[in-house]
């Protein structure tokens, strides 16, 4: 690689960094830096043809149709109001477990993620649904918000994950196998989170006043049997709480209604269509997305129709607008990333970097760890889609050269993105939950979330030590 090419690459990367620091839309930064780099490399005439063609070639791909379909399914499911249904059922199921509301939050976030595929949507929804309930039961609001923010990260891992679809398009991986591969890691993540919740609850992490073991045990028993524990035998639970979210309530056994059961059935149905259909070989990933989106549309119409014809039309209009907005954002990133990726390809940086790393003789696991560290750091400043589009075209040739499995690394990449969603200074999920839960300050949530970040590293370690967790379902699937 010539010194001139290196200089041009540094200039283009510098421009991209300026856009990032200026908090401008990433897709514009990708397109602008890539376009300038191509002009400096090949001249305006040649570059203009490439700049016009790259966005088309990077987005006009049949398999990418699944992105707006998954987005629409998630928006319709959220609009149908199933979040409350699955939270109530999760609370009922976990009522005898220490820290049952925290456990219910993780279970509900996992269930909601299975139909939305969105971390932000999951965090925002349960920021409204769960934080106030936990605070009313005596949980520290900042710790409750941290738990919801962490539970929200399940939205980028548990299928249907749009982030995984983008990764598959960038690496040429099978979308169906990648989505199936995420199921067991998603369940593993939920299990580790729940273990951490139980341990932290028993150690008083969620308790603002560090109640004595005797009082804490009495409170847990009260929640388990649906009784009340109060001061002076009044039958009312009291707590001295210092934020608007904290209140005094009577802990009651959650009552599961027919509506809640139907809502949970809808979640199971949509998940079964996407994952079960692909696993059994009935549908391709795109076909599964189309069928699930259509079923979600029927569900939201049925739910909204209870409010009348006008309410149904308004709800559908808002859902379609939201779906179009989210889908447009993703495809804009892909278009800008297409220009930037083509520029990187023209410089030869990925191939040179791959040869250099191979010459170093580092083991594959060490290169994977370095790549994950890079993505965790970038995740503190960028969203998951931007990280994928910027980093994967640069790193994947290196990882491919040392024999790293694309499906396995895709799941690890998503785990790294999850950490970025909850770490300062720009942990998106934390700010989303804080805005949805009045009285909770982001800086306190960032401090409270550190034990759950440790849980993420535990999961990553498990996936690296036991890659079969990732490969098991794809190896059995009829795709």
Protein backbone atom coordinates (compact mmCIF):
# COMPACT_ATOMS: atom_id res chain seq x y z
CA UNK A 1 0.00 0.00 0.00
CA UNK A 2 1.44 3.34 -1.05
CA UNK A 3 1.96 6.26 1.35
CA UNK A 4 -0.51 8.27 -0.73
CA UNK A 5 -3.23 5.65 -0.22
CA UNK A 6 -2.55 5.58 3.52
CA UNK A 7 -2.84 9.37 3.68
CA UNK A 8 -6.15 9.33 1.80
CA UNK A 9 -7.50 6.62 4.10
CA UNK A 10 -6.51 8.63 7.18
CA UNK A 11 -8.19 11.75 5.77
CA UNK A 12 -11.41 9.84 5.09
CA UNK A 13 -11.39 8.26 8.56
CA UNK A 14 -10.73 11.70 10.06
CA UNK A 15 -13.79 13.12 8.31
CA UNK A 16 -15.90 10.24 9.57
CA UNK A 17 -14.63 10.87 13.10
CA UNK A 18 -15.57 14.55 12.81
CA UNK A 19 -19.13 13.60 11.86
CA UNK A 20 -19.31 11.22 14.81
CA UNK A 21 -17.98 13.77 17.31
CA UNK A 22 -20.32 16.42 15.91
CA UNK A 23 -23.21 13.98 16.52
CA UNK A 24 -24.32 14.17 12.90
CA UNK A 25 -26.21 11.31 11.22
CA UNK A 26 -23.76 8.45 10.79
CA UNK A 27 -25.02 7.56 7.32
CA UNK A 28 -24.08 11.03 6.08
CA UNK A 29 -20.62 10.71 7.62
CA UNK A 30 -20.11 7.30 6.02
CA UNK A 31 -21.26 8.52 2.61
CA UNK A 32 -19.28 11.77 2.75
CA UNK A 33 -16.00 10.24 3.94
CA UNK A 34 -16.27 7.33 1.52
CA UNK A 35 -17.14 9.60 -1.40
CA UNK A 36 -14.25 11.98 -0.71
CA UNK A 37 -11.87 9.05 -0.38
CA UNK A 38 -12.99 7.64 -3.73
CA UNK A 39 -12.56 11.03 -5.41
CA UNK A 40 -9.04 11.39 -4.02
CA UNK A 41 -8.16 7.84 -5.07
CA UNK A 42 -9.68 7.63 -8.54
CA UNK A 43 -10.71 11.12 -9.59
CA UNK A 44 -14.16 12.64 -9.87
CA UNK A 45 -15.24 10.88 -13.07
CA UNK A 46 -14.59 7.33 -11.90
CA UNK A 47 -15.72 8.07 -8.35
CA UNK A 48 -19.05 9.56 -9.44
CA UNK A 49 -20.07 6.29 -11.10
CA UNK A 50 -19.10 4.30 -8.02
CA UNK A 51 -20.83 6.70 -5.65
CA UNK A 52 -24.03 6.38 -7.65
CA UNK A 53 -23.87 2.60 -7.86
CA UNK A 54 -22.69 1.62 -4.36
CA UNK A 55 -25.87 2.59 -2.44
CA UNK A 56 -27.97 0.58 -4.90
CA UNK A 57 -25.82 -2.54 -4.82
CA UNK A 58 -25.67 -2.50 -1.01
CA UNK A 59 -29.44 -2.22 -0.52
CA UNK A 60 -31.08 -3.83 -3.58
CA UNK A 61 -30.68 -7.31 -2.12
CA UNK A 62 -33.67 -9.64 -1.83
CA UNK A 63 -32.70 -10.96 1.59
CA UNK A 64 -32.70 -7.43 3.03
CA UNK A 65 -36.47 -7.31 2.52
CA UNK A 66 -36.58 -9.06 5.88
CA UNK A 67 -35.48 -5.84 7.64
CA UNK A 68 -38.66 -3.77 7.07
CA UNK A 69 -40.73 -6.92 7.67
CA UNK A 70 -39.14 -7.53 11.08
CA UNK A 71 -39.41 -3.83 11.90
CA UNK A 72 -43.11 -3.80 11.01
CA UNK A 73 -43.75 -6.94 13.05
CA UNK A 74 -42.11 -5.37 16.08
CA UNK A 75 -43.98 -2.09 15.75
CA UNK A 76 -47.33 -3.85 15.31
CA UNK A 77 -46.67 -6.11 18.30
CA UNK A 78 -45.69 -3.16 20.49
CA UNK A 79 -48.76 -1.20 19.37
CA UNK A 80 -50.96 -4.17 20.28
CA UNK A 81 -50.02 -3.64 23.94
CA UNK A 82 -48.70 -7.10 24.69
CA UNK A 83 -45.93 -5.83 26.97
CA UNK A 84 -48.24 -5.57 29.99
CA UNK A 85 -49.63 -9.02 29.27
CA UNK A 86 -46.30 -10.81 29.26
CA UNK A 87 -45.05 -8.84 32.28
CA UNK A 88 -48.05 -9.86 34.38
CA UNK A 89 -47.65 -13.50 33.38
CA UNK A 90 -43.89 -13.36 34.04
CA UNK A 91 -44.57 -11.83 37.45
CA UNK A 92 -47.02 -14.60 38.26
CA UNK A 93 -44.65 -17.35 37.11
CA UNK A 94 -41.72 -15.97 39.13
CA UNK A 95 -43.66 -14.96 42.25
CA UNK A 96 -41.90 -17.49 44.53
CA UNK A 97 -38.40 -16.57 43.38
CA UNK A 98 -36.35 -14.06 45.43
CA UNK A 99 -36.39 -10.74 43.62
CA UNK A 100 -39.40 -11.89 41.63
CA UNK A 101 -40.11 -8.51 40.03
CA UNK A 102 -36.55 -8.33 38.76
CA UNK A 103 -36.79 -11.87 37.43
CA UNK A 104 -40.16 -11.05 35.84
CA UNK A 105 -38.60 -8.04 34.13
CA UNK A 106 -35.91 -10.18 32.49
CA UNK A 107 -38.46 -12.80 31.42
CA UNK A 108 -40.79 -10.15 30.02
CA UNK A 109 -37.98 -8.33 28.21
CA UNK A 110 -36.95 -11.61 26.62
CA UNK A 111 -40.50 -12.35 25.53
CA UNK A 112 -41.02 -8.86 24.15
CA UNK A 113 -37.67 -8.98 22.35
CA UNK A 114 -38.85 -12.14 20.60
CA UNK A 115 -41.45 -10.13 18.69
CA UNK A 116 -39.82 -6.71 18.35
CA UNK A 117 -36.14 -7.38 17.61
CA UNK A 118 -35.40 -3.93 19.01
CA UNK A 119 -33.35 -3.07 22.07
CA UNK A 120 -34.60 0.51 22.27
CA UNK A 121 -38.26 -0.51 21.96
CA UNK A 122 -37.84 -3.12 24.69
CA UNK A 123 -36.06 -0.71 27.03
CA UNK A 124 -38.54 2.11 26.44
CA UNK A 125 -41.58 -0.12 26.89
CA UNK A 126 -40.46 -1.70 30.14
CA UNK A 127 -39.06 1.59 31.36
CA UNK A 128 -42.71 2.58 31.59
CA UNK A 129 -44.11 -0.81 32.61
CA UNK A 130 -41.62 -2.23 35.11
CA UNK A 131 -39.57 0.50 36.81
CA UNK A 132 -42.47 2.09 38.68
CA UNK A 133 -43.73 -1.32 39.82
CA UNK A 134 -40.34 -2.32 41.17
CA UNK A 135 -39.89 1.05 42.87
CA UNK A 136 -43.29 0.72 44.50
CA UNK A 137 -42.19 -2.61 45.98
CA UNK A 138 -39.13 -1.03 47.56
CA UNK A 139 -36.56 -1.54 44.81
CA UNK A 140 -34.05 1.26 44.31
CA UNK A 141 -35.33 3.12 41.22
CA UNK A 142 -31.84 3.47 39.76
CA UNK A 143 -31.19 -0.26 40.20
CA UNK A 144 -34.61 -1.08 38.75
CA UNK A 145 -33.90 1.16 35.75
CA UNK A 146 -30.49 -0.47 35.31
CA UNK A 147 -32.14 -3.88 35.25
CA UNK A 148 -34.62 -2.76 32.58
CA UNK A 149 -31.85 -1.19 30.48
CA UNK A 150 -29.91 -4.45 30.64
CA UNK A 151 -32.99 -6.52 29.87
CA UNK A 152 -33.59 -4.30 26.87
CA UNK A 153 -30.33 -5.45 25.31
CA UNK A 154 -31.99 -8.81 24.67
CA UNK A 155 -33.75 -7.07 21.79
CA UNK A 156 -30.61 -7.09 19.64
CA UNK A 157 -29.88 -10.77 20.28
CA UNK A 158 -33.11 -12.75 20.51
CA UNK A 159 -34.64 -13.29 17.05
CA UNK A 160 -36.01 -11.50 15.13
CA UNK A 161 -32.91 -9.32 15.51
CA UNK A 162 -32.48 -6.74 12.76
CA UNK A 163 -28.85 -6.23 13.85
CA UNK A 164 -28.14 -9.87 13.04
CA UNK A 165 -29.71 -9.44 9.61
CA UNK A 166 -27.39 -6.50 8.91
CA UNK A 167 -24.40 -8.54 10.09
CA UNK A 168 -25.42 -11.41 7.80
CA UNK A 169 -25.64 -9.07 4.81
CA UNK A 170 -22.16 -7.69 5.52
CA UNK A 171 -20.47 -11.08 5.90
CA UNK A 172 -22.49 -13.13 3.44
CA UNK A 173 -23.75 -15.41 6.21
CA UNK A 174 -27.04 -17.29 6.18
CA UNK A 175 -29.70 -15.12 7.81
CA UNK A 176 -31.74 -18.16 8.82
CA UNK A 177 -28.83 -19.94 10.49
CA UNK A 178 -27.73 -16.75 12.24
CA UNK A 179 -31.19 -16.16 13.69
CA UNK A 180 -31.42 -19.77 14.85
CA UNK A 181 -27.93 -19.54 16.35
CA UNK A 182 -29.08 -16.64 18.53
CA UNK A 183 -31.82 -18.61 20.32
CA UNK A 184 -29.69 -20.57 22.81
CA UNK A 185 -27.31 -17.65 23.51
CA UNK A 186 -30.41 -15.54 24.16
CA UNK A 187 -31.74 -18.06 26.66
CA UNK A 188 -28.28 -18.37 28.22
CA UNK A 189 -28.11 -14.60 28.61
CA UNK A 190 -31.52 -14.53 30.28
CA UNK A 191 -30.49 -17.33 32.66
CA UNK A 192 -27.28 -15.52 33.66
CA UNK A 193 -29.18 -12.24 34.17
CA UNK A 194 -31.73 -14.00 36.38
CA UNK A 195 -28.99 -15.61 38.49
CA UNK A 196 -27.39 -12.20 38.96
CA UNK A 197 -30.76 -10.67 39.90
CA UNK A 198 -31.38 -13.33 42.56
CA UNK A 199 -27.88 -13.01 44.01
CA UNK A 200 -27.99 -9.21 44.02
CA UNK A 201 -31.45 -9.21 45.56
CA UNK A 202 -30.33 -11.48 48.40
CA UNK A 203 -27.34 -9.21 49.00
CA UNK A 204 -29.62 -6.16 49.28
CA UNK A 205 -28.52 -4.52 46.02
CA UNK A 206 -32.05 -3.45 45.09
CA UNK A 207 -32.97 -2.31 48.61
CA UNK A 208 -32.52 1.44 49.25
CA UNK A 209 -32.15 0.99 53.01
CA UNK A 210 -30.28 -2.34 53.13
CA UNK A 211 -33.02 -4.03 55.15
CA UNK A 212 -32.04 -6.61 57.70
CA UNK A 213 -32.13 -10.23 56.64
CA UNK A 214 -35.20 -10.81 58.78
CA UNK A 215 -37.21 -7.99 57.26
CA UNK A 216 -36.04 -8.80 53.73
CA UNK A 217 -37.05 -12.44 54.20
CA UNK A 218 -40.47 -11.36 55.46
CA UNK A 219 -40.92 -9.12 52.45
CA UNK A 220 -40.00 -11.92 50.05
CA UNK A 221 -42.45 -14.27 51.75
CA UNK A 222 -45.16 -11.64 51.48
CA UNK A 223 -44.59 -11.24 47.76
CA UNK A 224 -44.54 -15.02 47.30
CA UNK A 225 -47.96 -15.62 48.88
CA UNK A 226 -49.57 -12.38 47.82
CA UNK A 227 -49.86 -11.17 51.41
CA UNK A 228 -48.89 -7.81 52.80
CA UNK A 229 -46.20 -6.87 55.21
CA UNK A 230 -46.64 -3.66 57.07
CA UNK A 231 -45.39 -1.66 59.94
CA UNK A 232 -47.25 -2.15 63.18
CA UNK A 233 -49.50 -4.83 61.72
CA UNK A 234 -51.40 -2.40 59.50
CA UNK A 235 -51.17 -4.63 56.47
CA UNK A 236 -49.50 -1.92 54.41
CA UNK A 237 -45.91 -2.08 53.24
CA UNK A 238 -44.08 1.14 54.02
CA UNK A 239 -40.77 2.42 52.79
CA UNK A 240 -38.96 5.70 53.01
CA UNK A 241 -38.19 6.50 49.41
CA UNK A 242 -36.71 9.63 47.95
CA UNK A 243 -37.72 9.80 44.30
CA UNK A 244 -41.02 10.43 42.50
CA UNK A 245 -41.14 6.79 41.46
CA UNK A 246 -41.15 5.42 44.99
CA UNK A 247 -44.48 4.91 46.66
CA UNK A 248 -46.29 2.82 49.23
CA UNK A 249 -48.44 0.00 47.86
CA UNK A 250 -49.95 -3.29 48.90
CA UNK A 251 -47.98 -6.14 47.27
CA UNK A 252 -50.54 -8.41 45.67
CA UNK A 253 -50.44 -11.65 43.79
CA UNK A 254 -50.66 -10.68 40.11
CA UNK A 255 -54.02 -11.54 38.61
CA UNK A 256 -53.68 -13.13 35.17
CA UNK A 257 -56.63 -12.34 32.92
CA UNK A 258 -57.77 -13.89 29.67
CA UNK A 259 -56.37 -10.85 27.85
CA UNK A 260 -52.92 -11.51 29.35
CA UNK A 261 -53.00 -15.15 28.28
CA UNK A 262 -54.04 -14.21 24.75
CA UNK A 263 -51.23 -11.63 24.61
CA UNK A 264 -48.68 -14.25 25.65
CA UNK A 265 -50.12 -16.60 23.03
CA UNK A 266 -49.56 -13.93 20.38
CA UNK A 267 -45.90 -13.69 21.41
CA UNK A 268 -45.47 -17.46 21.22
CA UNK A 269 -47.24 -17.57 17.85
CA UNK A 270 -45.03 -14.92 16.24
CA UNK A 271 -41.86 -16.48 17.64
CA UNK A 272 -42.96 -19.92 16.44
CA UNK A 273 -43.61 -18.60 12.93
CA UNK A 274 -40.16 -17.04 12.63
CA UNK A 275 -38.00 -19.60 14.42
CA UNK A 276 -40.11 -22.75 14.13
CA UNK A 277 -40.85 -22.16 10.47
CA UNK A 278 -37.18 -21.71 9.61
CA UNK A 279 -36.01 -24.57 11.85
CA UNK A 280 -38.41 -27.03 10.23
CA UNK A 281 -37.59 -25.79 6.76
CA UNK A 282 -41.13 -24.57 6.05
CA UNK A 283 -40.08 -20.97 5.32
CA UNK A 284 -37.01 -19.07 4.32
CA UNK A 285 -36.05 -16.22 6.65
CA UNK A 286 -37.69 -13.67 4.35
CA UNK A 287 -40.89 -15.70 4.03
CA UNK A 288 -41.03 -16.15 7.81
CA UNK A 289 -40.65 -12.39 8.25
CA UNK A 290 -43.46 -11.69 5.78
CA UNK A 291 -45.88 -14.16 7.38
CA UNK A 292 -45.05 -12.96 10.91
CA UNK A 293 -45.50 -9.31 9.90
CA UNK A 294 -48.91 -10.12 8.40
CA UNK A 295 -49.99 -12.02 11.52
CA UNK A 296 -48.79 -9.11 13.69
CA UNK A 297 -50.89 -6.76 11.54
CA UNK A 298 -53.97 -8.90 12.20
CA UNK A 299 -53.17 -8.93 15.93
CA UNK A 300 -52.86 -5.16 16.16
CA UNK A 301 -56.09 -4.65 14.19
CA UNK A 302 -57.94 -7.01 16.55
CA UNK A 303 -56.55 -5.25 19.62
CA UNK A 304 -57.12 -1.71 18.31
CA UNK A 305 -60.63 -2.45 17.06
CA UNK A 306 -61.85 -2.47 20.66
CA UNK A 307 -61.39 1.29 20.67
CA UNK A 308 -63.49 1.84 17.58
CA UNK A 309 -62.90 2.31 13.88
CA UNK A 310 -61.24 5.72 14.19
CA UNK A 311 -58.82 4.53 16.88
CA UNK A 312 -57.91 1.56 14.70
CA UNK A 313 -57.12 3.77 11.71
CA UNK A 314 -55.04 6.17 13.83
CA UNK A 315 -53.12 3.30 15.41
CA UNK A 316 -52.41 1.69 12.05
CA UNK A 317 -51.30 5.00 10.56
CA UNK A 318 -48.91 5.65 13.44
CA UNK A 319 -47.56 2.08 13.22
CA UNK A 320 -46.92 2.36 9.49
CA UNK A 321 -45.21 5.74 9.87
CA UNK A 322 -43.01 4.41 12.68
CA UNK A 323 -42.12 1.30 10.68
CA UNK A 324 -41.25 3.36 7.62
CA UNK A 325 -39.13 5.74 9.69
CA UNK A 326 -37.12 2.95 11.34
CA UNK A 327 -36.71 1.04 8.09
CA UNK A 328 -35.55 4.16 6.25
CA UNK A 329 -32.94 4.84 8.94
CA UNK A 330 -31.49 1.34 8.59
CA UNK A 331 -31.37 1.45 4.79
CA UNK A 332 -29.80 4.91 4.87
CA UNK A 333 -27.03 3.44 7.01
CA UNK A 334 -26.62 0.56 4.58
CA UNK A 335 -26.45 2.96 1.63
CA UNK A 336 -23.86 5.21 3.29
CA UNK A 337 -22.00 2.15 4.51
CA UNK A 338 -21.96 0.79 0.97
CA UNK A 339 -20.01 3.83 -0.25
CA UNK A 340 -17.61 3.65 2.69
CA UNK A 341 -17.09 -0.11 2.32
CA UNK A 342 -16.36 0.27 -1.40
CA UNK A 343 -13.79 2.93 -0.54
CA UNK A 344 -12.10 0.59 1.97
CA UNK A 345 -12.07 -2.15 -0.66
CA UNK A 346 -10.41 0.18 -3.17
CA UNK A 347 -7.68 1.13 -0.68
CA UNK A 348 -6.88 -2.53 -0.05
CA UNK A 349 -6.76 -1.93 3.71
CA UNK A 350 -8.82 -5.00 4.71
CA UNK A 351 -6.67 -7.43 2.70
CA UNK A 352 -3.40 -5.84 3.85
CA UNK A 353 -4.59 -5.92 7.45
CA UNK A 354 -5.61 -9.57 7.10
CA UNK A 355 -2.20 -10.56 5.75
CA UNK A 356 -0.43 -8.62 8.48
CA UNK A 357 -2.43 -10.22 11.28
CA UNK A 358 -1.86 -13.71 9.83
CA UNK A 359 1.87 -12.99 9.69
CA UNK A 360 1.85 -12.07 13.38
CA UNK A 361 0.81 -15.63 14.17
CA UNK A 362 -1.73 -14.69 16.84
CA UNK A 363 -4.22 -17.42 17.77
CA UNK A 364 -7.74 -16.92 16.46
CA UNK A 365 -9.21 -16.46 19.94
CA UNK A 366 -6.81 -13.58 20.67
CA UNK A 367 -7.83 -11.81 17.46
CA UNK A 368 -11.49 -12.31 18.36
CA UNK A 369 -10.91 -10.82 21.82
CA UNK A 370 -9.18 -7.78 20.29
CA UNK A 371 -12.05 -7.33 17.83
CA UNK A 372 -14.61 -7.52 20.64
CA UNK A 373 -12.70 -4.98 22.73
CA UNK A 374 -12.69 -2.59 19.77
CA UNK A 375 -16.46 -2.99 19.35
CA UNK A 376 -17.16 -2.56 23.06
CA UNK A 377 -15.22 0.72 23.02
CA UNK A 378 -17.00 1.90 19.87
CA UNK A 379 -20.29 0.87 21.44
CA UNK A 380 -19.80 3.57 24.05
CA UNK A 381 -20.16 6.17 21.30
CA UNK A 382 -22.11 4.57 18.41
CA UNK A 383 -25.28 2.56 17.92
CA UNK A 384 -25.14 -1.10 16.95
CA UNK A 385 -25.99 -0.58 13.29
CA UNK A 386 -23.23 1.99 12.85
CA UNK A 387 -20.68 -0.26 14.54
CA UNK A 388 -21.60 -3.12 12.24
CA UNK A 389 -21.39 -1.07 9.07
CA UNK A 390 -18.12 0.64 10.00
CA UNK A 391 -16.22 -2.22 11.64
CA UNK A 392 -17.34 -5.48 10.04
CA UNK A 393 -16.11 -4.68 6.49
CA UNK A 394 -12.72 -3.89 8.03
CA UNK A 395 -12.44 -6.73 10.54
CA UNK A 396 -14.20 -9.62 8.86
CA UNK A 397 -11.50 -10.28 6.22
CA UNK A 398 -9.00 -10.56 9.08
CA UNK A 399 -11.16 -12.95 11.07
CA UNK A 400 -12.05 -14.97 7.99
CA UNK A 401 -8.35 -15.35 7.19
CA UNK A 402 -7.67 -16.99 10.56
CA UNK A 403 -10.64 -19.35 10.27
CA UNK A 404 -13.18 -17.72 12.59
CA UNK A 405 -16.73 -19.00 12.08
CA UNK A 406 -19.00 -16.21 10.83
CA UNK A 407 -22.10 -17.37 12.73
CA UNK A 408 -20.27 -17.72 16.05
CA UNK A 409 -18.54 -14.37 15.69
CA UNK A 410 -21.84 -12.74 14.74
CA UNK A 411 -23.35 -13.70 18.08
CA UNK A 412 -20.25 -12.47 19.93
CA UNK A 413 -20.45 -9.22 17.98
CA UNK A 414 -24.02 -8.68 19.14
CA UNK A 415 -22.95 -9.32 22.74
CA UNK A 416 -20.30 -6.61 22.37
CA UNK A 417 -22.94 -4.27 20.95
CA UNK A 418 -25.15 -5.04 23.96
CA UNK A 419 -22.44 -3.82 26.33
CA UNK A 420 -22.14 -0.59 24.37
CA UNK A 421 -25.87 0.02 24.77
CA UNK A 422 -25.54 0.34 28.55
CA UNK A 423 -22.10 1.85 29.14
CA UNK A 424 -21.26 5.57 29.44
CA UNK A 425 -21.03 8.10 28.01
CA UNK A 426 -23.66 7.34 25.33
CA UNK A 427 -25.33 4.16 26.58
CA UNK A 428 -28.55 4.53 24.60
CA UNK A 429 -30.66 2.12 26.64
CA UNK A 430 -29.86 3.94 29.87
CA UNK A 431 -31.05 7.28 28.50
CA UNK A 432 -34.15 5.66 27.00
CA UNK A 433 -35.13 4.07 30.31
CA UNK A 434 -34.34 7.25 32.25
CA UNK A 435 -36.59 9.30 29.98
CA UNK A 436 -39.38 6.73 30.31
CA UNK A 437 -39.09 6.61 34.13
CA UNK A 438 -39.36 10.15 35.60
CA UNK A 439 -37.10 10.89 38.54
CA UNK A 440 -34.34 8.47 37.57
CA UNK A 441 -31.06 10.16 36.69
CA UNK A 442 -28.91 8.55 33.97
CA UNK A 443 -25.69 8.93 35.94
CA UNK A 444 -27.13 6.89 38.82
CA UNK A 445 -28.33 4.22 36.40
CA UNK A 446 -24.86 4.00 34.84
CA UNK A 447 -23.41 3.38 38.31
CA UNK A 448 -26.04 0.76 39.16
CA UNK A 449 -25.67 -1.14 35.89
CA UNK A 450 -22.07 -2.27 36.39
CA UNK A 451 -22.94 -5.66 38.00
CA UNK A 452 -25.09 -6.48 34.98
CA UNK A 453 -22.26 -5.54 32.61
CA UNK A 454 -20.23 -8.17 34.47
CA UNK A 455 -23.02 -10.62 33.64
CA UNK A 456 -22.51 -9.84 29.95
CA UNK A 457 -18.82 -10.70 30.20
CA UNK A 458 -19.76 -13.97 31.89
CA UNK A 459 -22.02 -14.83 28.93
CA UNK A 460 -19.32 -13.89 26.39
CA UNK A 461 -16.86 -16.14 28.23
CA UNK A 462 -19.35 -19.02 28.15
CA UNK A 463 -19.93 -18.57 24.42
CA UNK A 464 -16.19 -18.56 23.76
CA UNK A 465 -15.56 -21.63 25.91
CA UNK A 466 -18.59 -23.51 24.60
CA UNK A 467 -19.22 -22.50 20.97
CA UNK A 468 -21.70 -25.38 20.72
CA UNK A 469 -24.21 -23.08 22.41
CA UNK A 470 -24.19 -21.11 19.17
CA UNK A 471 -23.81 -23.90 16.64
CA UNK A 472 -26.23 -26.49 18.06
CA UNK A 473 -29.55 -25.34 16.56
CA UNK A 474 -28.17 -24.34 13.13
CA UNK A 475 -26.54 -27.76 12.83
CA UNK A 476 -29.91 -29.47 13.30
CA UNK A 477 -32.07 -27.14 11.23
CA UNK A 478 -33.46 -28.06 7.83
CA UNK A 479 -31.97 -24.99 6.13
